[in-house]
């Protein structure tokens, strides 16, 4: 174990910016010409219909993968012979 603080922790403590780390006060609204981080939106909430569709497809794929894992676990537990 090291007694020195990590480099990331030291860097975070050295910046006197707001909670978001973008130079604004925590309650201050973002400017109209803000940075990319201030205007970042999830794919599924995007204004672009193509990105929104990609987000839906990825989400559906994740749901199918999790459902297959559950089915595999139940198959192994109850010896149904599905897989």
Protein backbone atom coordinates (compact mmCIF):
# COMPACT_ATOMS: atom_id res chain seq x y z
CA UNK A 1 0.00 0.00 0.00
CA UNK A 2 1.17 3.50 -0.77
CA UNK A 3 0.83 6.41 1.61
CA UNK A 4 0.75 8.91 -1.26
CA UNK A 5 -2.60 9.85 -2.83
CA UNK A 6 -3.19 8.68 -6.38
CA UNK A 7 -2.54 10.95 -9.34
CA UNK A 8 -6.22 11.14 -10.26
CA UNK A 9 -7.26 12.10 -6.73
CA UNK A 10 -4.60 14.81 -6.56
CA UNK A 11 -5.72 16.21 -9.91
CA UNK A 12 -9.38 16.30 -8.81
CA UNK A 13 -8.53 18.14 -5.59
CA UNK A 14 -6.39 20.68 -7.46
CA UNK A 15 -9.19 21.86 -9.77
CA UNK A 16 -11.40 24.49 -8.09
CA UNK A 17 -14.17 24.18 -10.69
CA UNK A 18 -17.82 23.34 -10.13
CA UNK A 19 -19.15 19.88 -9.31
CA UNK A 20 -19.50 19.00 -12.99
CA UNK A 21 -15.87 19.93 -13.67
CA UNK A 22 -16.71 22.19 -16.60
CA UNK A 23 -15.92 25.60 -15.09
CA UNK A 24 -19.52 26.41 -14.09
CA UNK A 25 -21.10 26.67 -10.71
CA UNK A 26 -23.16 23.57 -9.79
CA UNK A 27 -26.54 25.29 -10.21
CA UNK A 28 -25.67 27.36 -13.26
CA UNK A 29 -27.40 26.35 -16.55
CA UNK A 30 -25.34 25.34 -19.56
CA UNK A 31 -24.61 27.93 -22.23
CA UNK A 32 -26.17 27.61 -25.68
CA UNK A 33 -22.79 26.98 -27.31
CA UNK A 34 -21.68 24.58 -24.57
CA UNK A 35 -19.13 21.84 -24.79
CA UNK A 36 -19.79 18.34 -26.03
CA UNK A 37 -20.09 17.01 -22.45
CA UNK A 38 -22.80 19.55 -21.62
CA UNK A 39 -24.92 18.57 -24.63
CA UNK A 40 -24.27 14.81 -24.63
CA UNK A 41 -27.48 12.81 -24.92
CA UNK A 42 -28.06 9.08 -24.70
CA UNK A 43 -28.52 7.34 -28.05
CA UNK A 44 -32.07 6.33 -27.27
CA UNK A 45 -32.97 9.96 -26.41
CA UNK A 46 -31.21 11.47 -29.42
CA UNK A 47 -32.89 13.84 -31.87
CA UNK A 48 -31.34 11.89 -34.76
CA UNK A 49 -33.77 9.08 -35.75
CA UNK A 50 -30.92 6.83 -36.94
CA UNK A 51 -29.12 7.01 -33.60
CA UNK A 52 -32.40 6.49 -31.76
CA UNK A 53 -33.02 3.34 -33.82
CA UNK A 54 -29.49 2.08 -33.13
CA UNK A 55 -30.09 2.63 -29.42
CA UNK A 56 -33.33 0.64 -29.56
CA UNK A 57 -31.66 -2.23 -31.44
CA UNK A 58 -28.77 -2.36 -28.96
CA UNK A 59 -31.20 -2.32 -26.03
CA UNK A 60 -33.26 -5.12 -27.57
CA UNK A 61 -30.08 -7.13 -28.17
CA UNK A 62 -29.04 -6.75 -24.54
CA UNK A 63 -32.52 -7.84 -23.39
CA UNK A 64 -32.37 -10.92 -25.63
CA UNK A 65 -28.90 -11.80 -24.35
CA UNK A 66 -30.02 -11.54 -20.71
CA UNK A 67 -33.15 -13.58 -21.46
CA UNK A 68 -31.02 -16.30 -23.07
CA UNK A 69 -28.75 -16.37 -20.02
CA UNK A 70 -31.77 -16.77 -17.74
CA UNK A 71 -33.15 -19.53 -19.94
CA UNK A 72 -29.79 -21.28 -19.90
CA UNK A 73 -29.61 -21.04 -16.11
CA UNK A 74 -33.15 -22.40 -15.72
CA UNK A 75 -32.40 -25.16 -18.23
CA UNK A 76 -29.32 -26.21 -16.30
CA UNK A 77 -31.18 -26.07 -12.98
CA UNK A 78 -34.30 -27.98 -13.97
CA UNK A 79 -32.72 -30.19 -16.66
CA UNK A 80 -35.25 -29.22 -19.36
CA UNK A 81 -32.94 -30.12 -22.26
CA UNK A 82 -33.40 -26.85 -24.17
CA UNK A 83 -29.67 -26.32 -24.72
